[in-house]
Amino acid sequence: MPENAPSPADAWWSNAVVYQIYPRSFADSNADGIGDLQGITERLDYLFELGVDVLWLSPVCPSPHDDNGYDISDYQDIDPLFGTLADFDRLLASVHERGMKLVMDLVVNHTSDEHPWFTASRDDGPGGPERDWYIWRPPREGMEPGTAGAEPNNWESWFSGPAWTLDEVSGEYCRTPSPASSPT
C-alpha cells in the first residue's frame, strides 16, 4: 500500500451509507409518470437528513430500455426520459454541496445493440478490426442459423434462455445485450 494511502478502514466507502436510486420510479418532477433527475435533486435534503452519504444511481444514459436501462446506447448523454446533461450537472453539484458522493451504475461491457460500438462490430464482419469488440460465432456446423440448437454452444443466459442472439444480417450469433441474453 502506498505510504500516504488510507487504510481500507479509513476509506470513505468503508463506513458510508449508500442509497441506490432507480430513477424511473424514484421521484417524478414533471408529472409524466416517470421519475427523473430533477426529482432526485428535489429530494436530496431528505436523503441527507436520513444520513445517506452516497447515492448509487442506476443507469440514466440513453437506452432502448430492453434491459431496464442497462442496455446503453450512448454513454455520453442523458436519456431524455430522465432529463438533460444540465439536469445531471445540477444533481451532481447539489450532491457535492451536501458533502455526499454520487456513484453511477455503469456496466460498460453491456451495451445496447443500438450502440455505435456494437453496430461497428456487427458491420465490420469476420476478420475486421472491430469484430472482436463482441463475441461472434457462426451457427453450429451443419445447422441453419435461427433453427433450434443452431446456437454456437449451449450457454444459458443468467436471466433466461440462450446466451446467444442471432444477427439476421450476418447469419452469425452474438453474445449481445438483449432481453433474452446476459451481458457480454
N, C-alpha and C. Protein backbone atom coordinates (compact mmCIF):
# COMPACT_ATOMS: atom_id res chain seq x y z
N MET A 1 0.85 -1.17 0.00
CA MET A 1 0.00 0.00 0.00
C MET A 1 0.90 1.24 0.00
N PRO A 2 0.59 2.24 -0.85
CA PRO A 2 1.40 3.46 -0.87
C PRO A 2 1.44 4.12 0.51
N GLU A 3 2.50 4.82 0.76
CA GLU A 3 2.75 5.41 2.08
C GLU A 3 1.62 6.31 2.57
N ASN A 4 1.07 7.17 1.71
CA ASN A 4 0.04 8.12 2.13
C ASN A 4 -1.39 7.62 1.91
N ALA A 5 -1.54 6.41 1.41
CA ALA A 5 -2.89 5.89 1.13
C ALA A 5 -3.60 5.54 2.43
N PRO A 6 -4.91 5.85 2.49
CA PRO A 6 -5.66 5.48 3.70
C PRO A 6 -5.82 3.96 3.76
N SER A 7 -5.89 3.45 4.97
CA SER A 7 -6.16 2.03 5.10
C SER A 7 -7.61 1.80 4.69
N PRO A 8 -7.97 0.57 4.28
CA PRO A 8 -9.36 0.32 3.90
C PRO A 8 -10.35 0.72 5.00
N ALA A 9 -9.98 0.62 6.25
CA ALA A 9 -10.88 1.00 7.33
C ALA A 9 -11.12 2.51 7.36
N ASP A 10 -10.17 3.30 6.81
CA ASP A 10 -10.31 4.75 6.79
C ASP A 10 -10.89 5.27 5.47
N ALA A 11 -11.05 4.42 4.48
CA ALA A 11 -11.54 4.84 3.18
C ALA A 11 -13.01 5.28 3.29
N TRP A 12 -13.40 6.26 2.48
CA TRP A 12 -14.75 6.83 2.57
C TRP A 12 -15.84 5.78 2.42
N TRP A 13 -15.60 4.78 1.58
CA TRP A 13 -16.62 3.79 1.29
C TRP A 13 -16.77 2.73 2.37
N SER A 14 -15.82 2.63 3.28
CA SER A 14 -15.88 1.55 4.27
C SER A 14 -16.97 1.74 5.31
N ASN A 15 -17.36 2.98 5.57
CA ASN A 15 -18.40 3.24 6.57
C ASN A 15 -19.56 4.06 6.01
N ALA A 16 -19.60 4.24 4.71
CA ALA A 16 -20.62 5.09 4.09
C ALA A 16 -21.99 4.41 4.07
N VAL A 17 -23.02 5.23 4.18
CA VAL A 17 -24.39 4.78 3.98
C VAL A 17 -24.71 5.04 2.52
N VAL A 18 -24.99 3.96 1.78
CA VAL A 18 -25.23 4.06 0.34
C VAL A 18 -26.71 3.79 0.08
N TYR A 19 -27.31 4.63 -0.75
CA TYR A 19 -28.72 4.50 -1.09
C TYR A 19 -28.82 4.39 -2.60
N GLN A 20 -29.34 3.26 -3.09
CA GLN A 20 -29.48 3.09 -4.53
C GLN A 20 -30.80 3.68 -5.01
N ILE A 21 -30.72 4.40 -6.11
CA ILE A 21 -31.90 5.01 -6.71
C ILE A 21 -32.10 4.45 -8.11
N TYR A 22 -33.29 3.91 -8.35
CA TYR A 22 -33.71 3.55 -9.70
C TYR A 22 -34.54 4.74 -10.19
N PRO A 23 -33.94 5.63 -11.00
CA PRO A 23 -34.56 6.91 -11.31
C PRO A 23 -35.99 6.84 -11.83
N ARG A 24 -36.27 5.86 -12.66
CA ARG A 24 -37.60 5.76 -13.29
C ARG A 24 -38.73 5.76 -12.25
N SER A 25 -38.48 5.19 -11.09
CA SER A 25 -39.55 5.07 -10.11
C SER A 25 -39.30 5.86 -8.83
N PHE A 26 -38.27 6.70 -8.79
CA PHE A 26 -37.95 7.39 -7.55
C PHE A 26 -38.77 8.66 -7.32
N ALA A 27 -38.64 9.64 -8.19
CA ALA A 27 -39.34 10.91 -7.98
C ALA A 27 -39.58 11.58 -9.33
N ASP A 28 -40.84 11.86 -9.61
CA ASP A 28 -41.27 12.44 -10.88
C ASP A 28 -41.53 13.93 -10.69
N SER A 29 -40.65 14.78 -11.23
CA SER A 29 -40.79 16.22 -11.03
C SER A 29 -41.73 16.89 -12.02
N ASN A 30 -42.01 16.25 -13.15
CA ASN A 30 -42.81 16.91 -14.18
C ASN A 30 -44.14 16.21 -14.45
N ALA A 31 -44.54 15.29 -13.57
CA ALA A 31 -45.85 14.63 -13.63
C ALA A 31 -46.10 13.86 -14.93
N ASP A 32 -45.02 13.30 -15.52
CA ASP A 32 -45.23 12.48 -16.72
C ASP A 32 -45.29 10.99 -16.38
N GLY A 33 -45.20 10.67 -15.10
CA GLY A 33 -45.29 9.27 -14.68
C GLY A 33 -43.96 8.55 -14.62
N ILE A 34 -42.87 9.26 -14.93
CA ILE A 34 -41.53 8.66 -14.92
C ILE A 34 -40.62 9.51 -14.04
N GLY A 35 -39.96 8.89 -13.09
CA GLY A 35 -39.00 9.60 -12.25
C GLY A 35 -37.90 10.21 -13.09
N ASP A 36 -37.27 11.26 -12.55
CA ASP A 36 -36.27 11.97 -13.34
C ASP A 36 -35.19 12.57 -12.44
N LEU A 37 -34.16 13.11 -13.06
CA LEU A 37 -33.04 13.67 -12.32
C LEU A 37 -33.46 14.87 -11.46
N GLN A 38 -34.34 15.71 -11.97
CA GLN A 38 -34.81 16.84 -11.19
C GLN A 38 -35.55 16.36 -9.94
N GLY A 39 -36.31 15.29 -10.07
CA GLY A 39 -37.00 14.73 -8.91
C GLY A 39 -36.03 14.26 -7.85
N ILE A 40 -34.91 13.68 -8.27
CA ILE A 40 -33.88 13.25 -7.31
C ILE A 40 -33.27 14.48 -6.63
N THR A 41 -32.94 15.49 -7.43
CA THR A 41 -32.34 16.71 -6.89
C THR A 41 -33.26 17.33 -5.84
N GLU A 42 -34.55 17.34 -6.11
CA GLU A 42 -35.52 17.94 -5.18
C GLU A 42 -35.61 17.19 -3.85
N ARG A 43 -35.15 15.97 -3.81
CA ARG A 43 -35.26 15.16 -2.59
C ARG A 43 -33.92 14.93 -1.88
N LEU A 44 -32.90 15.63 -2.31
CA LEU A 44 -31.57 15.45 -1.72
C LEU A 44 -31.53 15.83 -0.24
N ASP A 45 -32.23 16.89 0.15
CA ASP A 45 -32.22 17.26 1.57
C ASP A 45 -32.78 16.13 2.42
N TYR A 46 -33.85 15.52 1.96
CA TYR A 46 -34.45 14.40 2.69
C TYR A 46 -33.45 13.25 2.82
N LEU A 47 -32.79 12.89 1.71
CA LEU A 47 -31.82 11.79 1.75
C LEU A 47 -30.65 12.14 2.67
N PHE A 48 -30.21 13.40 2.62
CA PHE A 48 -29.13 13.84 3.50
C PHE A 48 -29.55 13.72 4.97
N GLU A 49 -30.77 14.15 5.28
CA GLU A 49 -31.27 14.06 6.66
C GLU A 49 -31.38 12.62 7.14
N LEU A 50 -31.60 11.69 6.22
CA LEU A 50 -31.64 10.27 6.57
C LEU A 50 -30.25 9.72 6.89
N GLY A 51 -29.22 10.48 6.54
CA GLY A 51 -27.85 10.03 6.80
C GLY A 51 -27.18 9.37 5.61
N VAL A 52 -27.75 9.55 4.42
CA VAL A 52 -27.16 8.98 3.21
C VAL A 52 -25.88 9.73 2.88
N ASP A 53 -24.82 8.97 2.65
CA ASP A 53 -23.53 9.54 2.26
C ASP A 53 -23.27 9.44 0.76
N VAL A 54 -23.81 8.38 0.16
CA VAL A 54 -23.54 8.09 -1.24
C VAL A 54 -24.84 7.72 -1.94
N LEU A 55 -25.10 8.36 -3.08
CA LEU A 55 -26.21 7.94 -3.93
C LEU A 55 -25.64 7.03 -5.00
N TRP A 56 -26.23 5.87 -5.14
CA TRP A 56 -25.87 4.92 -6.19
C TRP A 56 -26.98 5.03 -7.22
N LEU A 57 -26.68 5.63 -8.37
CA LEU A 57 -27.67 5.94 -9.38
C LEU A 57 -27.67 4.88 -10.47
N SER A 58 -28.80 4.18 -10.62
CA SER A 58 -28.96 3.23 -11.72
C SER A 58 -28.88 3.99 -13.04
N PRO A 59 -28.68 3.30 -14.16
CA PRO A 59 -28.40 3.97 -15.44
C PRO A 59 -29.41 5.04 -15.83
N VAL A 60 -28.87 6.16 -16.32
CA VAL A 60 -29.68 7.27 -16.83
C VAL A 60 -29.26 7.67 -18.25
N CYS A 61 -28.37 6.89 -18.85
CA CYS A 61 -27.93 7.17 -20.21
C CYS A 61 -29.00 6.74 -21.22
N PRO A 62 -28.95 7.25 -22.44
CA PRO A 62 -29.91 6.82 -23.46
C PRO A 62 -29.87 5.30 -23.65
N SER A 63 -31.06 4.73 -23.84
CA SER A 63 -31.20 3.29 -23.93
C SER A 63 -32.53 2.96 -24.58
N PRO A 64 -32.60 1.84 -25.31
CA PRO A 64 -33.91 1.39 -25.79
C PRO A 64 -34.73 0.74 -24.66
N HIS A 65 -34.14 0.58 -23.50
CA HIS A 65 -34.81 0.05 -22.30
C HIS A 65 -35.32 -1.38 -22.49
N ASP A 66 -34.53 -2.17 -23.20
CA ASP A 66 -34.84 -3.60 -23.30
C ASP A 66 -34.40 -4.33 -22.04
N ASP A 67 -33.49 -3.72 -21.28
CA ASP A 67 -32.96 -4.35 -20.07
C ASP A 67 -32.89 -3.31 -18.93
N ASN A 68 -34.02 -2.67 -18.66
CA ASN A 68 -34.14 -1.71 -17.56
C ASN A 68 -33.11 -0.58 -17.61
N GLY A 69 -32.69 -0.20 -18.80
CA GLY A 69 -31.75 0.90 -18.96
C GLY A 69 -30.29 0.49 -18.93
N TYR A 70 -30.01 -0.76 -18.63
CA TYR A 70 -28.62 -1.21 -18.61
C TYR A 70 -28.08 -1.44 -20.02
N ASP A 71 -28.94 -1.50 -21.01
CA ASP A 71 -28.55 -1.65 -22.41
C ASP A 71 -28.34 -0.26 -23.00
N ILE A 72 -27.20 0.32 -22.68
CA ILE A 72 -26.91 1.72 -23.00
C ILE A 72 -26.55 1.88 -24.48
N SER A 73 -27.14 2.90 -25.09
CA SER A 73 -26.83 3.18 -26.50
C SER A 73 -25.92 4.39 -26.67
N ASP A 74 -25.73 5.19 -25.60
CA ASP A 74 -24.84 6.35 -25.67
C ASP A 74 -24.37 6.68 -24.25
N TYR A 75 -23.09 6.43 -23.98
CA TYR A 75 -22.53 6.66 -22.65
C TYR A 75 -22.25 8.14 -22.36
N GLN A 76 -22.43 9.00 -23.33
CA GLN A 76 -22.04 10.40 -23.17
C GLN A 76 -23.22 11.36 -23.07
N ASP A 77 -24.41 10.83 -22.81
CA ASP A 77 -25.58 11.69 -22.74
C ASP A 77 -26.53 11.16 -21.68
N ILE A 78 -27.60 11.90 -21.46
CA ILE A 78 -28.66 11.53 -20.53
C ILE A 78 -29.90 11.20 -21.34
N ASP A 79 -30.58 10.12 -20.97
CA ASP A 79 -31.82 9.75 -21.64
C ASP A 79 -32.85 10.85 -21.41
N PRO A 80 -33.49 11.35 -22.47
CA PRO A 80 -34.49 12.41 -22.30
C PRO A 80 -35.61 12.05 -21.31
N LEU A 81 -35.85 10.75 -21.10
CA LEU A 81 -36.83 10.36 -20.08
C LEU A 81 -36.48 10.92 -18.71
N PHE A 82 -35.18 11.04 -18.44
CA PHE A 82 -34.71 11.44 -17.12
C PHE A 82 -34.27 12.90 -17.04
N GLY A 83 -34.14 13.56 -18.17
CA GLY A 83 -33.72 14.95 -18.17
C GLY A 83 -32.63 15.22 -19.19
N THR A 84 -31.74 16.12 -18.81
CA THR A 84 -30.68 16.57 -19.71
C THR A 84 -29.33 16.49 -19.00
N LEU A 85 -28.27 16.74 -19.75
CA LEU A 85 -26.94 16.82 -19.13
C LEU A 85 -26.89 17.96 -18.12
N ALA A 86 -27.59 19.04 -18.40
CA ALA A 86 -27.64 20.16 -17.44
C ALA A 86 -28.32 19.72 -16.14
N ASP A 87 -29.38 18.91 -16.25
CA ASP A 87 -30.04 18.37 -15.05
C ASP A 87 -29.08 17.49 -14.27
N PHE A 88 -28.30 16.71 -14.98
CA PHE A 88 -27.32 15.85 -14.31
C PHE A 88 -26.26 16.70 -13.60
N ASP A 89 -25.78 17.73 -14.29
CA ASP A 89 -24.79 18.63 -13.68
C ASP A 89 -25.33 19.27 -12.40
N ARG A 90 -26.61 19.69 -12.42
CA ARG A 90 -27.22 20.28 -11.22
C ARG A 90 -27.32 19.24 -10.11
N LEU A 91 -27.70 18.02 -10.45
CA LEU A 91 -27.78 16.95 -9.45
C LEU A 91 -26.42 16.71 -8.82
N LEU A 92 -25.40 16.58 -9.65
CA LEU A 92 -24.05 16.31 -9.14
C LEU A 92 -23.57 17.45 -8.24
N ALA A 93 -23.76 18.68 -8.68
CA ALA A 93 -23.35 19.83 -7.86
C ALA A 93 -24.11 19.85 -6.54
N SER A 94 -25.40 19.54 -6.57
CA SER A 94 -26.21 19.53 -5.35
C SER A 94 -25.79 18.42 -4.40
N VAL A 95 -25.43 17.27 -4.95
CA VAL A 95 -24.92 16.17 -4.14
C VAL A 95 -23.64 16.62 -3.43
N HIS A 96 -22.73 17.21 -4.18
CA HIS A 96 -21.44 17.64 -3.61
C HIS A 96 -21.62 18.78 -2.60
N GLU A 97 -22.59 19.67 -2.83
CA GLU A 97 -22.86 20.74 -1.87
C GLU A 97 -23.20 20.19 -0.49
N ARG A 98 -23.77 19.01 -0.45
CA ARG A 98 -24.17 18.39 0.81
C ARG A 98 -23.08 17.46 1.36
N GLY A 99 -21.93 17.43 0.68
CA GLY A 99 -20.84 16.57 1.13
C GLY A 99 -21.07 15.10 0.81
N MET A 100 -22.02 14.84 -0.07
CA MET A 100 -22.33 13.46 -0.46
C MET A 100 -21.55 13.11 -1.72
N LYS A 101 -21.58 11.84 -2.06
CA LYS A 101 -20.95 11.35 -3.28
C LYS A 101 -22.01 10.72 -4.17
N LEU A 102 -21.69 10.65 -5.47
CA LEU A 102 -22.58 10.03 -6.44
C LEU A 102 -21.82 8.93 -7.16
N VAL A 103 -22.37 7.74 -7.16
CA VAL A 103 -21.79 6.61 -7.87
C VAL A 103 -22.75 6.23 -8.98
N MET A 104 -22.23 6.20 -10.19
CA MET A 104 -23.05 5.83 -11.34
C MET A 104 -22.96 4.32 -11.56
N ASP A 105 -24.10 3.68 -11.69
CA ASP A 105 -24.15 2.26 -12.02
C ASP A 105 -23.92 2.16 -13.52
N LEU A 106 -22.72 1.80 -13.89
CA LEU A 106 -22.30 1.85 -15.28
C LEU A 106 -21.65 0.52 -15.65
N VAL A 107 -22.28 -0.20 -16.55
CA VAL A 107 -21.77 -1.50 -16.98
C VAL A 107 -21.30 -1.35 -18.42
N VAL A 108 -20.01 -1.05 -18.58
CA VAL A 108 -19.52 -0.72 -19.93
C VAL A 108 -19.41 -1.93 -20.86
N ASN A 109 -19.51 -3.12 -20.31
CA ASN A 109 -19.46 -4.28 -21.20
C ASN A 109 -20.86 -4.81 -21.49
N HIS A 110 -21.86 -3.97 -21.31
CA HIS A 110 -23.25 -4.36 -21.54
C HIS A 110 -23.94 -3.25 -22.31
N THR A 111 -23.63 -3.14 -23.58
CA THR A 111 -24.20 -2.07 -24.39
C THR A 111 -25.48 -2.55 -25.06
N SER A 112 -26.19 -1.58 -25.59
CA SER A 112 -27.35 -1.86 -26.43
C SER A 112 -26.88 -2.32 -27.80
N ASP A 113 -27.75 -3.05 -28.49
CA ASP A 113 -27.42 -3.40 -29.87
C ASP A 113 -27.56 -2.18 -30.79
N GLU A 114 -27.95 -1.03 -30.22
CA GLU A 114 -28.02 0.22 -30.96
C GLU A 114 -26.78 1.09 -30.73
N HIS A 115 -25.89 0.67 -29.83
CA HIS A 115 -24.69 1.47 -29.54
C HIS A 115 -23.73 1.41 -30.73
N PRO A 116 -23.03 2.53 -31.02
CA PRO A 116 -22.08 2.53 -32.14
C PRO A 116 -21.00 1.46 -32.05
N TRP A 117 -20.59 1.08 -30.83
CA TRP A 117 -19.59 0.02 -30.72
C TRP A 117 -20.15 -1.29 -31.27
N PHE A 118 -21.40 -1.58 -30.93
CA PHE A 118 -21.99 -2.83 -31.41
C PHE A 118 -22.22 -2.80 -32.92
N THR A 119 -22.78 -1.69 -33.41
CA THR A 119 -23.05 -1.65 -34.85
C THR A 119 -21.76 -1.71 -35.65
N ALA A 120 -20.67 -1.08 -35.15
CA ALA A 120 -19.38 -1.17 -35.84
C ALA A 120 -18.88 -2.62 -35.85
N SER A 121 -19.03 -3.30 -34.73
CA SER A 121 -18.59 -4.69 -34.63
C SER A 121 -19.40 -5.58 -35.58
N ARG A 122 -20.71 -5.38 -35.61
CA ARG A 122 -21.56 -6.17 -36.49
C ARG A 122 -21.25 -5.88 -37.95
N ASP A 123 -21.14 -4.60 -38.29
CA ASP A 123 -20.96 -4.22 -39.69
C ASP A 123 -19.56 -4.52 -40.21
N ASP A 124 -18.60 -4.68 -39.30
CA ASP A 124 -17.22 -4.93 -39.69
C ASP A 124 -17.03 -6.30 -40.32
N GLY A 125 -17.83 -7.27 -39.91
CA GLY A 125 -17.75 -8.61 -40.47
C GLY A 125 -16.56 -9.39 -39.93
N PRO A 126 -16.57 -10.70 -40.15
CA PRO A 126 -15.49 -11.56 -39.66
C PRO A 126 -14.13 -11.07 -40.15
N GLY A 127 -13.17 -11.03 -39.23
CA GLY A 127 -11.81 -10.62 -39.56
C GLY A 127 -11.57 -9.12 -39.50
N GLY A 128 -12.63 -8.33 -39.33
CA GLY A 128 -12.47 -6.87 -39.26
C GLY A 128 -11.93 -6.43 -37.91
N PRO A 129 -11.33 -5.24 -37.86
CA PRO A 129 -10.69 -4.79 -36.62
C PRO A 129 -11.65 -4.57 -35.44
N GLU A 130 -12.92 -4.24 -35.70
CA GLU A 130 -13.87 -4.04 -34.60
C GLU A 130 -14.66 -5.30 -34.25
N ARG A 131 -14.52 -6.34 -35.04
CA ARG A 131 -15.34 -7.53 -34.84
C ARG A 131 -15.15 -8.13 -33.46
N ASP A 132 -13.93 -8.08 -32.92
CA ASP A 132 -13.68 -8.72 -31.62
C ASP A 132 -14.10 -7.85 -30.44
N TRP A 133 -14.80 -6.75 -30.69
CA TRP A 133 -15.34 -5.96 -29.59
C TRP A 133 -16.48 -6.71 -28.90
N TYR A 134 -17.07 -7.67 -29.59
CA TYR A 134 -18.14 -8.53 -29.06
C TYR A 134 -17.81 -9.96 -29.44
N ILE A 135 -18.49 -10.90 -28.82
CA ILE A 135 -18.25 -12.31 -29.10
C ILE A 135 -19.22 -12.76 -30.19
N TRP A 136 -18.66 -13.06 -31.35
CA TRP A 136 -19.43 -13.51 -32.51
C TRP A 136 -19.06 -14.96 -32.83
N ARG A 137 -20.02 -15.75 -33.20
CA ARG A 137 -19.76 -17.14 -33.60
C ARG A 137 -20.76 -17.55 -34.68
N PRO A 138 -20.30 -18.39 -35.61
CA PRO A 138 -21.24 -18.93 -36.60
C PRO A 138 -22.14 -19.98 -35.94
N PRO A 139 -23.22 -20.36 -36.62
CA PRO A 139 -24.05 -21.42 -36.06
C PRO A 139 -23.26 -22.73 -36.03
N ARG A 140 -23.77 -23.68 -35.26
CA ARG A 140 -23.11 -25.00 -35.23
C ARG A 140 -23.03 -25.56 -36.63
N GLU A 141 -21.96 -26.26 -36.88
CA GLU A 141 -21.72 -26.82 -38.21
C GLU A 141 -22.88 -27.69 -38.64
N GLY A 142 -23.31 -27.44 -39.88
CA GLY A 142 -24.41 -28.22 -40.45
C GLY A 142 -25.79 -27.73 -40.05
N MET A 143 -25.86 -26.67 -39.26
CA MET A 143 -27.16 -26.16 -38.80
C MET A 143 -27.48 -24.85 -39.51
N GLU A 144 -28.73 -24.63 -39.74
CA GLU A 144 -29.22 -23.41 -40.35
C GLU A 144 -29.38 -22.34 -39.28
N PRO A 145 -28.83 -21.12 -39.49
CA PRO A 145 -28.98 -20.07 -38.49
C PRO A 145 -30.46 -19.85 -38.13
N GLY A 146 -30.71 -19.72 -36.86
CA GLY A 146 -32.07 -19.47 -36.39
C GLY A 146 -32.87 -20.70 -36.03
N THR A 147 -32.38 -21.87 -36.41
CA THR A 147 -33.11 -23.08 -36.03
C THR A 147 -32.72 -23.49 -34.61
N ALA A 148 -33.63 -24.18 -33.94
CA ALA A 148 -33.37 -24.62 -32.57
C ALA A 148 -32.10 -25.46 -32.52
N GLY A 149 -31.20 -25.12 -31.60
CA GLY A 149 -29.96 -25.86 -31.43
C GLY A 149 -28.82 -25.38 -32.31
N ALA A 150 -29.06 -24.37 -33.14
CA ALA A 150 -28.01 -23.87 -34.02
C ALA A 150 -27.05 -22.92 -33.30
N GLU A 151 -27.40 -22.50 -32.08
CA GLU A 151 -26.52 -21.61 -31.33
C GLU A 151 -25.14 -22.25 -31.22
N PRO A 152 -24.08 -21.44 -31.14
CA PRO A 152 -22.72 -21.97 -31.12
C PRO A 152 -22.44 -22.99 -30.01
N ASN A 153 -23.13 -22.85 -28.89
CA ASN A 153 -23.00 -23.83 -27.80
C ASN A 153 -24.26 -23.74 -26.95
N ASN A 154 -24.27 -24.44 -25.84
CA ASN A 154 -25.47 -24.48 -25.01
C ASN A 154 -25.44 -23.49 -23.85
N TRP A 155 -24.66 -22.43 -23.94
CA TRP A 155 -24.61 -21.44 -22.87
C TRP A 155 -26.00 -20.88 -22.63
N GLU A 156 -26.35 -20.76 -21.38
CA GLU A 156 -27.61 -20.17 -20.98
C GLU A 156 -27.36 -18.77 -20.45
N SER A 157 -28.34 -17.94 -20.62
CA SER A 157 -28.28 -16.59 -20.06
C SER A 157 -28.46 -16.67 -18.56
N TRP A 158 -27.91 -15.71 -17.85
CA TRP A 158 -28.11 -15.62 -16.41
C TRP A 158 -29.59 -15.42 -16.11
N PHE A 159 -30.28 -14.71 -17.02
CA PHE A 159 -31.66 -14.34 -16.79
C PHE A 159 -32.65 -15.37 -17.32
N SER A 160 -32.48 -15.80 -18.57
CA SER A 160 -33.35 -16.84 -19.13
C SER A 160 -32.98 -17.07 -20.59
N GLY A 161 -33.17 -18.30 -21.04
CA GLY A 161 -32.95 -18.62 -22.44
C GLY A 161 -31.48 -18.67 -22.83
N PRO A 162 -31.22 -18.83 -24.13
CA PRO A 162 -29.84 -18.93 -24.59
C PRO A 162 -29.10 -17.61 -24.44
N ALA A 163 -27.80 -17.70 -24.30
CA ALA A 163 -26.96 -16.52 -24.16
C ALA A 163 -26.62 -15.92 -25.52
N TRP A 164 -27.09 -16.52 -26.58
CA TRP A 164 -26.76 -16.08 -27.93
C TRP A 164 -27.97 -15.46 -28.61
N THR A 165 -27.71 -14.44 -29.43
CA THR A 165 -28.76 -13.81 -30.23
C THR A 165 -28.32 -13.87 -31.69
N LEU A 166 -29.21 -14.32 -32.54
CA LEU A 166 -28.91 -14.38 -33.97
C LEU A 166 -28.99 -12.99 -34.58
N ASP A 167 -27.95 -12.63 -35.31
CA ASP A 167 -27.97 -11.40 -36.10
C ASP A 167 -28.41 -11.80 -37.50
N GLU A 168 -29.62 -11.40 -37.85
CA GLU A 168 -30.22 -11.81 -39.13
C GLU A 168 -29.38 -11.36 -40.33
N VAL A 169 -28.73 -10.21 -40.22
CA VAL A 169 -27.97 -9.67 -41.35
C VAL A 169 -26.77 -10.54 -41.67
N SER A 170 -25.97 -10.89 -40.63
CA SER A 170 -24.74 -11.64 -40.87
C SER A 170 -24.95 -13.15 -40.83
N GLY A 171 -26.03 -13.60 -40.22
CA GLY A 171 -26.25 -15.03 -40.07
C GLY A 171 -25.42 -15.63 -38.95
N GLU A 172 -24.74 -14.78 -38.16
CA GLU A 172 -23.94 -15.25 -37.04
C GLU A 172 -24.64 -14.92 -35.73
N TYR A 173 -24.18 -15.58 -34.69
CA TYR A 173 -24.71 -15.36 -33.34
C TYR A 173 -23.75 -14.46 -32.57
N CYS A 174 -24.33 -13.67 -31.69
CA CYS A 174 -23.53 -12.77 -30.88
C CYS A 174 -23.98 -12.86 -29.43
N ARG A 175 -23.02 -12.74 -28.53
CA ARG A 175 -23.35 -12.56 -27.11
C ARG A 175 -23.67 -11.10 -26.94
N THR A 176 -24.84 -10.72 -27.40
CA THR A 176 -25.22 -9.32 -27.43
C THR A 176 -26.28 -9.03 -26.37
N PRO A 177 -26.29 -7.83 -25.85
CA PRO A 177 -27.34 -7.48 -24.91
C PRO A 177 -28.69 -7.46 -25.59
N SER A 178 -29.59 -8.15 -25.04
CA SER A 178 -30.99 -8.14 -25.49
C SER A 178 -31.80 -8.67 -24.32
N PRO A 179 -33.11 -8.57 -24.36
CA PRO A 179 -33.89 -9.05 -23.22
C PRO A 179 -33.64 -10.52 -22.90
N ALA A 180 -33.21 -11.31 -23.88
CA ALA A 180 -33.04 -12.74 -23.64
C ALA A 180 -31.61 -13.14 -23.36
N SER A 181 -30.68 -12.20 -23.34
CA SER A 181 -29.29 -12.61 -23.16
C SER A 181 -28.65 -11.91 -21.98
N SER A 182 -27.54 -12.49 -21.54
CA SER A 182 -26.80 -11.89 -20.44
C SER A 182 -25.78 -10.91 -21.00
N PRO A 183 -25.18 -10.08 -20.14
CA PRO A 183 -24.16 -9.16 -20.62
C PRO A 183 -22.99 -9.88 -21.25
N THR A 184 -22.37 -9.26 -22.23
CA THR A 184 -21.18 -9.86 -22.86
C THR A 184 -20.00 -9.70 -21.95
